[in-house]
PDB file of N, CA and C in Angstrom:
ATOM      1  N   MET A   1    -122.924 -12.680  -1.363  1.00  0.00           N
ATOM      2  CA  MET A   1    -122.835 -12.341  -0.017  1.00  0.00           C
ATOM      3  C   MET A   1    -121.671 -13.020   0.624  1.00  0.00           C
ATOM      4  N   ASN A   2    -120.928 -12.017   1.479  1.00  0.00           N
ATOM      5  CA  ASN A   2    -119.859 -12.380   2.421  1.00  0.00           C
ATOM      6  C   ASN A   2    -120.561 -12.569   3.811  1.00  0.00           C
ATOM      7  N   ILE A   3    -120.211 -13.625   4.444  1.00  0.00           N
ATOM      8  CA  ILE A   3    -120.802 -13.926   5.850  1.00  0.00           C
ATOM      9  C   ILE A   3    -119.554 -14.646   6.462  1.00  0.00           C
ATOM     10  N   HIS A   4    -119.208 -14.343   7.676  1.00  0.00           N
ATOM     11  CA  HIS A   4    -118.274 -14.894   8.480  1.00  0.00           C
ATOM     12  C   HIS A   4    -118.504 -16.354   8.989  1.00  0.00           C
ATOM     13  N   GLU A   5    -117.516 -17.153   9.257  1.00  0.00           N
ATOM     14  CA  GLU A   5    -117.829 -18.374   9.749  1.00  0.00           C
ATOM     15  C   GLU A   5    -118.932 -18.573  10.944  1.00  0.00           C
ATOM     16  N   HIS A   6    -118.588 -17.639  12.084  1.00  0.00           N
ATOM     17  CA  HIS A   6    -119.596 -17.679  13.082  1.00  0.00           C
ATOM     18  C   HIS A   6    -120.903 -17.443  12.806  1.00  0.00           C
ATOM     19  N   GLN A   7    -121.173 -16.554  11.651  1.00  0.00           N
ATOM     20  CA  GLN A   7    -122.438 -16.185  11.211  1.00  0.00           C
ATOM     21  C   GLN A   7    -123.033 -17.448  10.558  1.00  0.00           C
ATOM     22  N   ALA A   8    -122.388 -18.291   9.790  1.00  0.00           N
ATOM     23  CA  ALA A   8    -122.823 -19.176   8.786  1.00  0.00           C
ATOM     24  C   ALA A   8    -123.392 -20.385   9.786  1.00  0.00           C
ATOM     25  N   LYS A   9    -122.316 -20.548  11.020  1.00  0.00           N
ATOM     26  CA  LYS A   9    -122.746 -21.375  11.966  1.00  0.00           C
ATOM     27  C   LYS A   9    -123.812 -20.979  12.834  1.00  0.00           C
ATOM     28  N   GLN A  10    -124.413 -19.804  13.006  1.00  0.00           N
ATOM     29  CA  GLN A  10    -125.628 -19.366  13.754  1.00  0.00           C
ATOM     30  C   GLN A  10    -126.763 -19.668  12.681  1.00  0.00           C
ATOM     31  N   ILE A  11    -126.432 -19.568  11.615  1.00  0.00           N
ATOM     32  CA  ILE A  11    -127.738 -19.859  10.605  1.00  0.00           C
ATOM     33  C   ILE A  11    -127.758 -21.501  10.451  1.00  0.00           C
ATOM     34  N   LEU A  12    -126.639 -22.198  10.403  1.00  0.00           N
ATOM     35  CA  LEU A  12    -127.028 -23.541  10.240  1.00  0.00           C
ATOM     36  C   LEU A  12    -127.610 -24.212  11.756  1.00  0.00           C
ATOM     37  N   LYS A  13    -127.386 -23.690  12.668  1.00  0.00           N
ATOM     38  CA  LYS A  13    -127.838 -24.144  14.230  1.00  0.00           C
ATOM     39  C   LYS A  13    -129.275 -23.985  14.201  1.00  0.00           C
ATOM     40  N   LYS A  14    -129.674 -22.833  13.494  1.00  0.00           N
ATOM     41  CA  LYS A  14    -131.279 -22.285  13.662  1.00  0.00           C
ATOM     42  C   LYS A  14    -131.875 -23.213  12.968  1.00  0.00           C
ATOM     43  N   TYR A  15    -131.347 -24.079  11.806  1.00  0.00           N
ATOM     44  CA  TYR A  15    -132.064 -24.942  11.152  1.00  0.00           C
ATOM     45  C   TYR A  15    -131.909 -26.559  11.661  1.00  0.00           C
ATOM     46  N   GLY A  16    -131.010 -26.559  12.567  1.00  0.00           N
ATOM     47  CA  GLY A  16    -130.793 -27.978  13.496  1.00  0.00           C
ATOM     48  C   GLY A  16    -129.927 -28.760  13.002  1.00  0.00           C
ATOM     49  N   ALA A  17    -128.886 -27.806  12.421  1.00  0.00           N
ATOM     50  CA  ALA A  17    -127.375 -28.616  12.401  1.00  0.00           C
ATOM     51  C   ALA A  17    -126.655 -28.517  13.399  1.00  0.00           C
ATOM     52  N   VAL A  18    -125.786 -29.662  13.730  1.00  0.00           N
ATOM     53  CA  VAL A  18    -125.038 -29.474  14.696  1.00  0.00           C
ATOM     54  C   VAL A  18    -123.572 -28.793  14.452  1.00  0.00           C
ATOM     55  N   VAL A  19    -123.312 -27.956  15.344  1.00  0.00           N
ATOM     56  CA  VAL A  19    -121.961 -26.959  15.018  1.00  0.00           C
ATOM     57  C   VAL A  19    -121.394 -27.156  16.332  1.00  0.00           C
ATOM     58  N   PRO A  20    -120.074 -26.943  16.111  1.00  0.00           N
ATOM     59  CA  PRO A  20    -119.264 -26.845  17.326  1.00  0.00           C
ATOM     60  C   PRO A  20    -119.518 -25.590  18.134  1.00  0.00           C
ATOM     61  N   GLU A  21    -119.780 -25.863  19.533  1.00  0.00           N
ATOM     62  CA  GLU A  21    -119.923 -24.762  20.247  1.00  0.00           C
ATOM     63  C   GLU A  21    -118.723 -23.673  20.418  1.00  0.00           C
ATOM     64  N   GLY A  22    -119.018 -22.199  20.450  1.00  0.00           N
ATOM     65  CA  GLY A  22    -117.994 -21.368  19.993  1.00  0.00           C
ATOM     66  C   GLY A  22    -118.338 -19.958  20.755  1.00  0.00           C
ATOM     67  N   VAL A  23    -117.678 -18.862  20.817  1.00  0.00           N
ATOM     68  CA  VAL A  23    -117.955 -17.568  21.182  1.00  0.00           C
ATOM     69  C   VAL A  23    -117.209 -16.746  20.183  1.00  0.00           C
ATOM     70  N   PHE A  24    -117.987 -15.637  20.012  1.00  0.00           N
ATOM     71  CA  PHE A  24    -117.513 -14.700  18.823  1.00  0.00           C
ATOM     72  C   PHE A  24    -117.063 -13.114  19.999  1.00  0.00           C
ATOM     73  N   ALA A  25    -116.000 -12.568  19.463  1.00  0.00           N
ATOM     74  CA  ALA A  25    -115.560 -11.570  20.130  1.00  0.00           C
ATOM     75  C   ALA A  25    -115.154 -10.380  19.363  1.00  0.00           C
ATOM     76  N   LEU A  26    -115.203  -8.974  19.804  1.00  0.00           N
ATOM     77  CA  LEU A  26    -114.682  -7.845  19.254  1.00  0.00           C
ATOM     78  C   LEU A  26    -113.338  -7.603  19.679  1.00  0.00           C
ATOM     79  N   ASN A  27    -112.879  -7.973  20.904  1.00  0.00           N
ATOM     80  CA  ASN A  27    -112.038  -7.880  21.851  1.00  0.00           C
ATOM     81  C   ASN A  27    -111.607  -8.762  22.698  1.00  0.00           C
ATOM     82  N   VAL A  28    -110.433  -8.672  23.065  1.00  0.00           N
ATOM     83  CA  VAL A  28    -109.589  -9.798  23.907  1.00  0.00           C
ATOM     84  C   VAL A  28    -110.562 -10.090  25.433  1.00  0.00           C
ATOM     85  N   ASP A  29    -111.052  -8.944  26.121  1.00  0.00           N
ATOM     86  CA  ASP A  29    -111.599  -9.129  27.336  1.00  0.00           C
ATOM     87  C   ASP A  29    -112.697  -9.824  27.311  1.00  0.00           C
ATOM     88  N   GLU A  30    -113.487  -9.372  25.954  1.00  0.00           N
ATOM     89  CA  GLU A  30    -114.818  -9.899  25.711  1.00  0.00           C
ATOM     90  C   GLU A  30    -114.741 -11.530  25.555  1.00  0.00           C
ATOM     91  N   LEU A  31    -113.611 -11.790  24.637  1.00  0.00           N
ATOM     92  CA  LEU A  31    -113.379 -13.181  24.407  1.00  0.00           C
ATOM     93  C   LEU A  31    -113.201 -14.162  25.589  1.00  0.00           C
ATOM     94  N   ILE A  32    -111.970 -13.635  26.382  1.00  0.00           N
ATOM     95  CA  ILE A  32    -111.864 -14.411  27.707  1.00  0.00           C
ATOM     96  C   ILE A  32    -113.185 -14.466  28.475  1.00  0.00           C
ATOM     97  N   GLN A  33    -113.779 -13.556  28.883  1.00  0.00           N
ATOM     98  CA  GLN A  33    -115.075 -13.784  29.585  1.00  0.00           C
ATOM     99  C   GLN A  33    -115.793 -14.834  29.062  1.00  0.00           C
ATOM    100  N   LYS A  34    -116.270 -14.647  27.871  1.00  0.00           N
ATOM    101  CA  LYS A  34    -117.142 -15.638  27.133  1.00  0.00           C
ATOM    102  C   LYS A  34    -116.428 -17.066  27.203  1.00  0.00           C
ATOM    103  N   ALA A  35    -115.120 -17.043  26.951  1.00  0.00           N
ATOM    104  CA  ALA A  35    -114.533 -18.507  26.931  1.00  0.00           C
ATOM    105  C   ALA A  35    -114.387 -19.112  28.198  1.00  0.00           C
ATOM    106  N   LYS A  36    -114.349 -18.483  29.158  1.00  0.00           N
ATOM    107  CA  LYS A  36    -114.317 -18.978  30.506  1.00  0.00           C
ATOM    108  C   LYS A  36    -115.856 -19.842  30.922  1.00  0.00           C
ATOM    109  N   ALA A  37    -116.915 -19.476  30.078  1.00  0.00           N
ATOM    110  CA  ALA A  37    -118.087 -20.205  30.479  1.00  0.00           C
ATOM    111  C   ALA A  37    -118.256 -21.501  29.583  1.00  0.00           C
ATOM    112  N   LEU A  38    -117.357 -21.706  28.598  1.00  0.00           N
ATOM    113  CA  LEU A  38    -117.179 -23.016  27.985  1.00  0.00           C
ATOM    114  C   LEU A  38    -116.392 -23.917  28.710  1.00  0.00           C
ATOM    115  N   LYS A  39    -116.813 -25.336  28.893  1.00  0.00           N
ATOM    116  CA  LYS A  39    -115.911 -26.084  29.545  1.00  0.00           C
ATOM    117  C   LYS A  39    -115.152 -26.880  28.540  1.00  0.00           C
ATOM    118  N   THR A  40    -113.772 -26.704  28.545  1.00  0.00           N
ATOM    119  CA  THR A  40    -112.984 -27.254  27.397  1.00  0.00           C
ATOM    120  C   THR A  40    -111.422 -27.523  28.110  1.00  0.00           C
ATOM    121  N   GLU A  41    -110.635 -28.250  27.459  1.00  0.00           N
ATOM    122  CA  GLU A  41    -109.476 -28.511  28.065  1.00  0.00           C
ATOM    123  C   GLU A  41    -108.310 -27.866  26.761  1.00  0.00           C
ATOM    124  N   LYS A  42    -108.826 -27.627  25.716  1.00  0.00           N
ATOM    125  CA  LYS A  42    -107.970 -27.169  24.505  1.00  0.00           C
ATOM    126  C   LYS A  42    -108.979 -25.574  23.911  1.00  0.00           C
ATOM    127  N   TYR A  43    -108.211 -25.009  23.550  1.00  0.00           N
ATOM    128  CA  TYR A  43    -109.039 -23.899  22.564  1.00  0.00           C
ATOM    129  C   TYR A  43    -108.472 -23.633  21.261  1.00  0.00           C
ATOM    130  N   VAL A  44    -109.318 -23.330  20.286  1.00  0.00           N
ATOM    131  CA  VAL A  44    -109.315 -22.949  18.903  1.00  0.00           C
ATOM    132  C   VAL A  44    -109.605 -21.570  18.584  1.00  0.00           C
ATOM    133  N   LEU A  45    -108.466 -20.642  18.326  1.00  0.00           N
ATOM    134  CA  LEU A  45    -108.825 -19.404  18.175  1.00  0.00           C
ATOM    135  C   LEU A  45    -108.795 -19.340  16.676  1.00  0.00           C
ATOM    136  N   LYS A  46    -109.669 -18.410  16.171  1.00  0.00           N
ATOM    137  CA  LYS A  46    -109.803 -18.119  14.541  1.00  0.00           C
ATOM    138  C   LYS A  46    -109.820 -16.658  14.211  1.00  0.00           C
ATOM    139  N   ALA A  47    -109.232 -16.285  13.430  1.00  0.00           N
ATOM    140  CA  ALA A  47    -109.214 -14.996  12.807  1.00  0.00           C
ATOM    141  C   ALA A  47    -110.823 -15.152  12.029  1.00  0.00           C
ATOM    142  N   GLN A  48    -111.507 -13.879  11.845  1.00  0.00           N
ATOM    143  CA  GLN A  48    -112.632 -13.938  11.283  1.00  0.00           C
ATOM    144  C   GLN A  48    -112.368 -12.590  10.018  1.00  0.00           C
ATOM    145  N   ILE A  49    -111.881 -13.243   8.969  1.00  0.00           N
ATOM    146  CA  ILE A  49    -111.829 -12.216   7.748  1.00  0.00           C
ATOM    147  C   ILE A  49    -112.689 -13.098   6.571  1.00  0.00           C
ATOM    148  N   HIS A  50    -112.808 -12.267   5.540  1.00  0.00           N
ATOM    149  CA  HIS A  50    -113.289 -12.951   4.430  1.00  0.00           C
ATOM    150  C   HIS A  50    -112.233 -13.461   3.492  1.00  0.00           C
ATOM    151  N   ALA A  51    -111.751 -14.602   3.765  1.00  0.00           N
ATOM    152  CA  ALA A  51    -110.583 -15.135   3.046  1.00  0.00           C
ATOM    153  C   ALA A  51    -110.343 -16.585   3.475  1.00  0.00           C
ATOM    154  N   GLY A  52    -110.038 -17.466   2.479  1.00  0.00           N
ATOM    155  CA  GLY A  52    -109.582 -18.670   2.996  1.00  0.00           C
ATOM    156  C   GLY A  52    -107.977 -18.827   2.870  1.00  0.00           C
ATOM    157  N   GLY A  53    -107.641 -20.000   3.678  1.00  0.00           N
ATOM    158  CA  GLY A  53    -106.056 -19.979   3.876  1.00  0.00           C
ATOM    159  C   GLY A  53    -105.494 -19.448   5.237  1.00  0.00           C
ATOM    160  N   ARG A  54    -106.715 -18.955   6.290  1.00  0.00           N
ATOM    161  CA  ARG A  54    -106.302 -18.351   7.550  1.00  0.00           C
ATOM    162  C   ARG A  54    -105.418 -19.182   8.095  1.00  0.00           C
ATOM    163  N   GLY A  55    -105.586 -20.404   8.100  1.00  0.00           N
ATOM    164  CA  GLY A  55    -104.659 -21.414   8.801  1.00  0.00           C
ATOM    165  C   GLY A  55    -103.012 -21.272   8.455  1.00  0.00           C
ATOM    166  N   LYS A  56    -102.980 -21.109   7.243  1.00  0.00           N
ATOM    167  CA  LYS A  56    -101.503 -21.109   6.650  1.00  0.00           C
ATOM    168  C   LYS A  56    -101.041 -19.611   6.989  1.00  0.00           C
ATOM    169  N   ALA A  57    -101.715 -18.620   7.159  1.00  0.00           N
ATOM    170  CA  ALA A  57    -101.508 -17.426   7.429  1.00  0.00           C
ATOM    171  C   ALA A  57    -101.296 -16.948   8.801  1.00  0.00           C
ATOM    172  N   GLY A  58    -101.426 -17.944   9.730  1.00  0.00           N
ATOM    173  CA  GLY A  58    -101.288 -17.906  11.041  1.00  0.00           C
ATOM    174  C   GLY A  58    -102.905 -17.402  11.815  1.00  0.00           C
ATOM    175  N   GLY A  59    -103.721 -17.355  11.122  1.00  0.00           N
ATOM    176  CA  GLY A  59    -104.963 -17.109  11.525  1.00  0.00           C
ATOM    177  C   GLY A  59    -105.789 -17.913  12.411  1.00  0.00           C
ATOM    178  N   VAL A  60    -105.158 -19.380  12.809  1.00  0.00           N
ATOM    179  CA  VAL A  60    -105.711 -20.283  13.434  1.00  0.00           C
ATOM    180  C   VAL A  60    -104.916 -20.802  14.437  1.00  0.00           C
ATOM    181  N   LYS A  61    -105.087 -20.795  15.796  1.00  0.00           N
ATOM    182  CA  LYS A  61    -104.379 -21.280  16.704  1.00  0.00           C
ATOM    183  C   LYS A  61    -104.743 -22.368  17.531  1.00  0.00           C
ATOM    184  N   ILE A  62    -104.230 -23.365  18.015  1.00  0.00           N
ATOM    185  CA  ILE A  62    -104.670 -24.276  18.973  1.00  0.00           C
ATOM    186  C   ILE A  62    -103.878 -24.252  20.229  1.00  0.00           C
ATOM    187  N   LEU A  63    -104.584 -23.819  21.458  1.00  0.00           N
ATOM    188  CA  LEU A  63    -104.095 -23.597  22.567  1.00  0.00           C
ATOM    189  C   LEU A  63    -104.426 -24.279  23.701  1.00  0.00           C
ATOM    190  N   ASN A  64    -103.780 -24.111  24.799  1.00  0.00           N
ATOM    191  CA  ASN A  64    -103.672 -25.317  25.946  1.00  0.00           C
ATOM    192  C   ASN A  64    -104.065 -24.621  27.162  1.00  0.00           C
ATOM    193  N   SER A  65    -104.617 -23.285  27.267  1.00  0.00           N
ATOM    194  CA  SER A  65    -105.002 -22.785  28.362  1.00  0.00           C
ATOM    195  C   SER A  65    -105.676 -21.259  28.238  1.00  0.00           C
ATOM    196  N   ILE A  66    -106.228 -20.644  29.178  1.00  0.00           N
ATOM    197  CA  ILE A  66    -106.938 -19.306  29.060  1.00  0.00           C
ATOM    198  C   ILE A  66    -105.622 -18.270  29.013  1.00  0.00           C
ATOM    199  N   GLU A  67    -104.491 -18.510  29.428  1.00  0.00           N
ATOM    200  CA  GLU A  67    -103.340 -17.741  29.282  1.00  0.00           C
ATOM    201  C   GLU A  67    -103.028 -17.767  27.985  1.00  0.00           C
ATOM    202  N   GLU A  68    -102.807 -19.016  27.588  1.00  0.00           N
ATOM    203  CA  GLU A  68    -102.206 -19.013  26.034  1.00  0.00           C
ATOM    204  C   GLU A  68    -103.348 -18.330  25.080  1.00  0.00           C
ATOM    205  N   LEU A  69    -104.665 -18.582  25.299  1.00  0.00           N
ATOM    206  CA  LEU A  69    -105.778 -17.968  24.538  1.00  0.00           C
ATOM    207  C   LEU A  69    -105.436 -16.408  24.659  1.00  0.00           C
ATOM    208  N   THR A  70    -105.201 -15.924  25.769  1.00  0.00           N
ATOM    209  CA  THR A  70    -105.142 -14.366  26.125  1.00  0.00           C
ATOM    210  C   THR A  70    -104.063 -13.682  25.104  1.00  0.00           C
ATOM    211  N   VAL A  71    -102.967 -14.415  25.227  1.00  0.00           N
ATOM    212  CA  VAL A  71    -101.487 -14.077  24.337  1.00  0.00           C
ATOM    213  C   VAL A  71    -101.929 -14.051  22.982  1.00  0.00           C
ATOM    214  N   ALA A  72    -102.508 -15.126  22.545  1.00  0.00           N
ATOM    215  CA  ALA A  72    -102.550 -15.356  21.131  1.00  0.00           C
ATOM    216  C   ALA A  72    -103.651 -14.326  20.497  1.00  0.00           C
ATOM    217  N   ALA A  73    -104.960 -14.336  21.314  1.00  0.00           N
ATOM    218  CA  ALA A  73    -105.770 -13.102  20.851  1.00  0.00           C
ATOM    219  C   ALA A  73    -105.210 -11.739  20.623  1.00  0.00           C
ATOM    220  N   LYS A  74    -104.461 -11.306  21.841  1.00  0.00           N
ATOM    221  CA  LYS A  74    -103.920 -10.235  21.617  1.00  0.00           C
ATOM    222  C   LYS A  74    -102.909  -9.748  20.553  1.00  0.00           C
ATOM    223  N   GLU A  75    -102.169 -10.936  20.086  1.00  0.00           N
ATOM    224  CA  GLU A  75    -101.271 -10.865  18.946  1.00  0.00           C
ATOM    225  C   GLU A  75    -102.191 -10.891  17.566  1.00  0.00           C
ATOM    226  N   LEU A  76    -103.207 -11.729  17.570  1.00  0.00           N
ATOM    227  CA  LEU A  76    -103.959 -11.721  16.605  1.00  0.00           C
ATOM    228  C   LEU A  76    -104.890 -10.522  16.071  1.00  0.00           C
ATOM    229  N   LEU A  77    -105.620  -9.940  17.125  1.00  0.00           N
ATOM    230  CA  LEU A  77    -106.227  -8.979  16.870  1.00  0.00           C
ATOM    231  C   LEU A  77    -105.722  -7.522  16.372  1.00  0.00           C
ATOM    232  N   GLY A  78    -105.960  -6.973  15.124  1.00  0.00           N
ATOM    233  CA  GLY A  78    -105.198  -6.024  14.665  1.00  0.00           C
ATOM    234  C   GLY A  78    -104.115  -6.476  13.447  1.00  0.00           C
ATOM    235  N   LYS A  79    -103.756  -7.807  13.369  1.00  0.00           N
ATOM    236  CA  LYS A  79    -102.783  -8.332  12.722  1.00  0.00           C
ATOM    237  C   LYS A  79    -103.413  -8.337  11.188  1.00  0.00           C
ATOM    238  N   ILE A  80    -102.538  -8.058  10.180  1.00  0.00           N
ATOM    239  CA  ILE A  80    -102.990  -8.143   8.839  1.00  0.00           C
ATOM    240  C   ILE A  80    -102.505  -9.567   8.442  1.00  0.00           C
ATOM    241  N   LEU A  81    -103.497 -10.226   7.868  1.00  0.00           N
ATOM    242  CA  LEU A  81    -103.417 -11.674   7.229  1.00  0.00           C
ATOM    243  C   LEU A  81    -103.140 -11.655   6.023  1.00  0.00           C
ATOM    244  N   VAL A  82    -102.237 -12.045   5.281  1.00  0.00           N
ATOM    245  CA  VAL A  82    -102.131 -12.347   3.793  1.00  0.00           C
ATOM    246  C   VAL A  82    -102.322 -13.718   3.508  1.00  0.00           C
ATOM    247  N   THR A  83    -103.438 -13.839   2.811  1.00  0.00           N
ATOM    248  CA  THR A  83    -103.726 -15.270   2.106  1.00  0.00           C
ATOM    249  C   THR A  83    -103.728 -15.251   0.606  1.00  0.00           C
ATOM    250  N   HIS A  84    -103.906 -16.252   0.135  1.00  0.00           N
ATOM    251  CA  HIS A  84    -104.112 -16.453  -1.497  1.00  0.00           C
ATOM    252  C   HIS A  84    -105.122 -15.871  -1.848  1.00  0.00           C
ATOM    253  N   GLN A  85    -106.148 -15.414  -1.187  1.00  0.00           N
ATOM    254  CA  GLN A  85    -107.434 -14.736  -1.504  1.00  0.00           C
ATOM    255  C   GLN A  85    -107.469 -13.193  -1.051  1.00  0.00           C
ATOM    256  N   THR A  86    -106.664 -12.960  -0.162  1.00  0.00           N
ATOM    257  CA  THR A  86    -106.671 -11.560   0.336  1.00  0.00           C
ATOM    258  C   THR A  86    -105.902 -10.623  -0.829  1.00  0.00           C
ATOM    259  N   GLY A  87    -104.779 -11.125  -1.445  1.00  0.00           N
ATOM    260  CA  GLY A  87    -103.884 -10.381  -2.169  1.00  0.00           C
ATOM    261  C   GLY A  87    -102.632  -9.561  -1.198  1.00  0.00           C
ATOM    262  N   PRO A  88    -101.644  -9.085  -1.978  1.00  0.00           N
ATOM    263  CA  PRO A  88    -100.578  -8.676  -1.041  1.00  0.00           C
ATOM    264  C   PRO A  88    -101.023  -7.759   0.002  1.00  0.00           C
ATOM    265  N   GLU A  89    -102.151  -7.088  -0.105  1.00  0.00           N
ATOM    266  CA  GLU A  89    -102.657  -6.222   1.081  1.00  0.00           C
ATOM    267  C   GLU A  89    -103.008  -6.719   2.268  1.00  0.00           C
ATOM    268  N   GLY A  90    -103.324  -8.032   2.068  1.00  0.00           N
ATOM    269  CA  GLY A  90    -103.907  -8.577   3.260  1.00  0.00           C
ATOM    270  C   GLY A  90    -105.103  -8.055   3.717  1.00  0.00           C
ATOM    271  N   ARG A  91    -105.654  -8.456   4.831  1.00  0.00           N
ATOM    272  CA  ARG A  91    -106.923  -8.140   5.607  1.00  0.00           C
ATOM    273  C   ARG A  91    -106.731  -7.995   7.108  1.00  0.00           C
ATOM    274  N   GLU A  92    -107.092  -6.945   7.814  1.00  0.00           N
ATOM    275  CA  GLU A  92    -107.215  -6.789   9.142  1.00  0.00           C
ATOM    276  C   GLU A  92    -108.126  -7.605  10.087  1.00  0.00           C
ATOM    277  N   VAL A  93    -107.408  -8.353  10.986  1.00  0.00           N
ATOM    278  CA  VAL A  93    -108.318  -9.075  11.843  1.00  0.00           C
ATOM    279  C   VAL A  93    -108.993  -8.055  12.991  1.00  0.00           C
ATOM    280  N   LYS A  94    -110.352  -8.058  12.805  1.00  0.00           N
ATOM    281  CA  LYS A  94    -111.062  -7.258  13.590  1.00  0.00           C
ATOM    282  C   LYS A  94    -111.971  -7.956  14.288  1.00  0.00           C
ATOM    283  N   LYS A  95    -112.143  -9.293  14.213  1.00  0.00           N
ATOM    284  CA  LYS A  95    -113.036 -10.230  14.673  1.00  0.00           C
ATOM    285  C   LYS A  95    -112.446 -11.441  15.043  1.00  0.00           C
ATOM    286  N   ILE A  96    -112.719 -11.835  16.316  1.00  0.00           N
ATOM    287  CA  ILE A  96    -112.072 -13.447  16.589  1.00  0.00           C
ATOM    288  C   ILE A  96    -113.072 -14.425  17.107  1.00  0.00           C
ATOM    289  N   VAL A  97    -112.864 -15.644  16.865  1.00  0.00           N
ATOM    290  CA  VAL A  97    -113.830 -16.738  17.504  1.00  0.00           C
ATOM    291  C   VAL A  97    -113.106 -17.838  18.249  1.00  0.00           C
ATOM    292  N   ARG A  98    -113.577 -18.084  19.370  1.00  0.00           N
ATOM    293  CA  ARG A  98    -113.004 -18.875  20.131  1.00  0.00           C
ATOM    294  C   ARG A  98    -113.812 -20.076  20.125  1.00  0.00           C
ATOM    295  N   ARG A  99    -113.477 -21.356  19.648  1.00  0.00           N
ATOM    296  CA  ARG A  99    -114.244 -22.491  19.651  1.00  0.00           C
ATOM    297  C   ARG A  99    -113.700 -23.685  20.746  1.00  0.00           C
ATOM    298  N   ARG A 100    -114.589 -24.285  21.119  1.00  0.00           N
ATOM    299  CA  ARG A 100    -114.302 -25.172  21.930  1.00  0.00           C
ATOM    300  C   ARG A 100    -113.627 -26.471  21.265  1.00  0.00           C
ATOM    301  N   ASN A 101    -112.735 -26.993  21.711  1.00  0.00           N
ATOM    302  CA  ASN A 101    -112.105 -28.059  20.842  1.00  0.00           C
ATOM    303  C   ASN A 101    -112.807 -29.512  20.767  1.00  0.00           C
ATOM    304  N   ILE A 102    -113.188 -29.696  19.817  1.00  0.00           N
ATOM    305  CA  ILE A 102    -114.279 -31.122  19.713  1.00  0.00           C
ATOM    306  C   ILE A 102    -113.446 -32.047  18.842  1.00  0.00           C
ATOM    307  N   LYS A 103    -113.442 -33.340  19.405  1.00  0.00           N
ATOM    308  CA  LYS A 103    -112.916 -34.620  18.637  1.00  0.00           C
ATOM    309  C   LYS A 103    -113.992 -35.041  17.833  1.00  0.00           C
ATOM    310  N   TYR A 104    -113.606 -34.903  16.318  1.00  0.00           N
ATOM    311  CA  TYR A 104    -114.624 -35.707  15.519  1.00  0.00           C
ATOM    312  C   TYR A 104    -114.376 -37.070  15.542  1.00  0.00           C
ATOM    313  N   ARG A 105    -115.476 -37.541  15.279  1.00  0.00           N
ATOM    314  CA  ARG A 105    -115.245 -39.048  14.767  1.00  0.00           C
ATOM    315  C   ARG A 105    -115.540 -39.497  13.406  1.00  0.00           C
TER     316      ARG A 105
END
């Protein structure tokens, strides 16, 4: 079964697990609109593809403002990420998640 990270978090949350608050979007406008509702000083933008190694491939960004989030989301959507799990053809980023930056203890 292939599920995205945001889908797994929904399942975990349904059963009482504590998961970081975040939003899922298929386009930049939707992402920014939803992101403004979350109270945070930093943003973590993550490409949603079925592959590990997204961070090393440029699919995870830590950002300091809505403006930076907008620019990064525009760059990430439609990009082909190549990781050790995608093979040389890579995978196109069609979905993105913006997570509120949480300090873990």
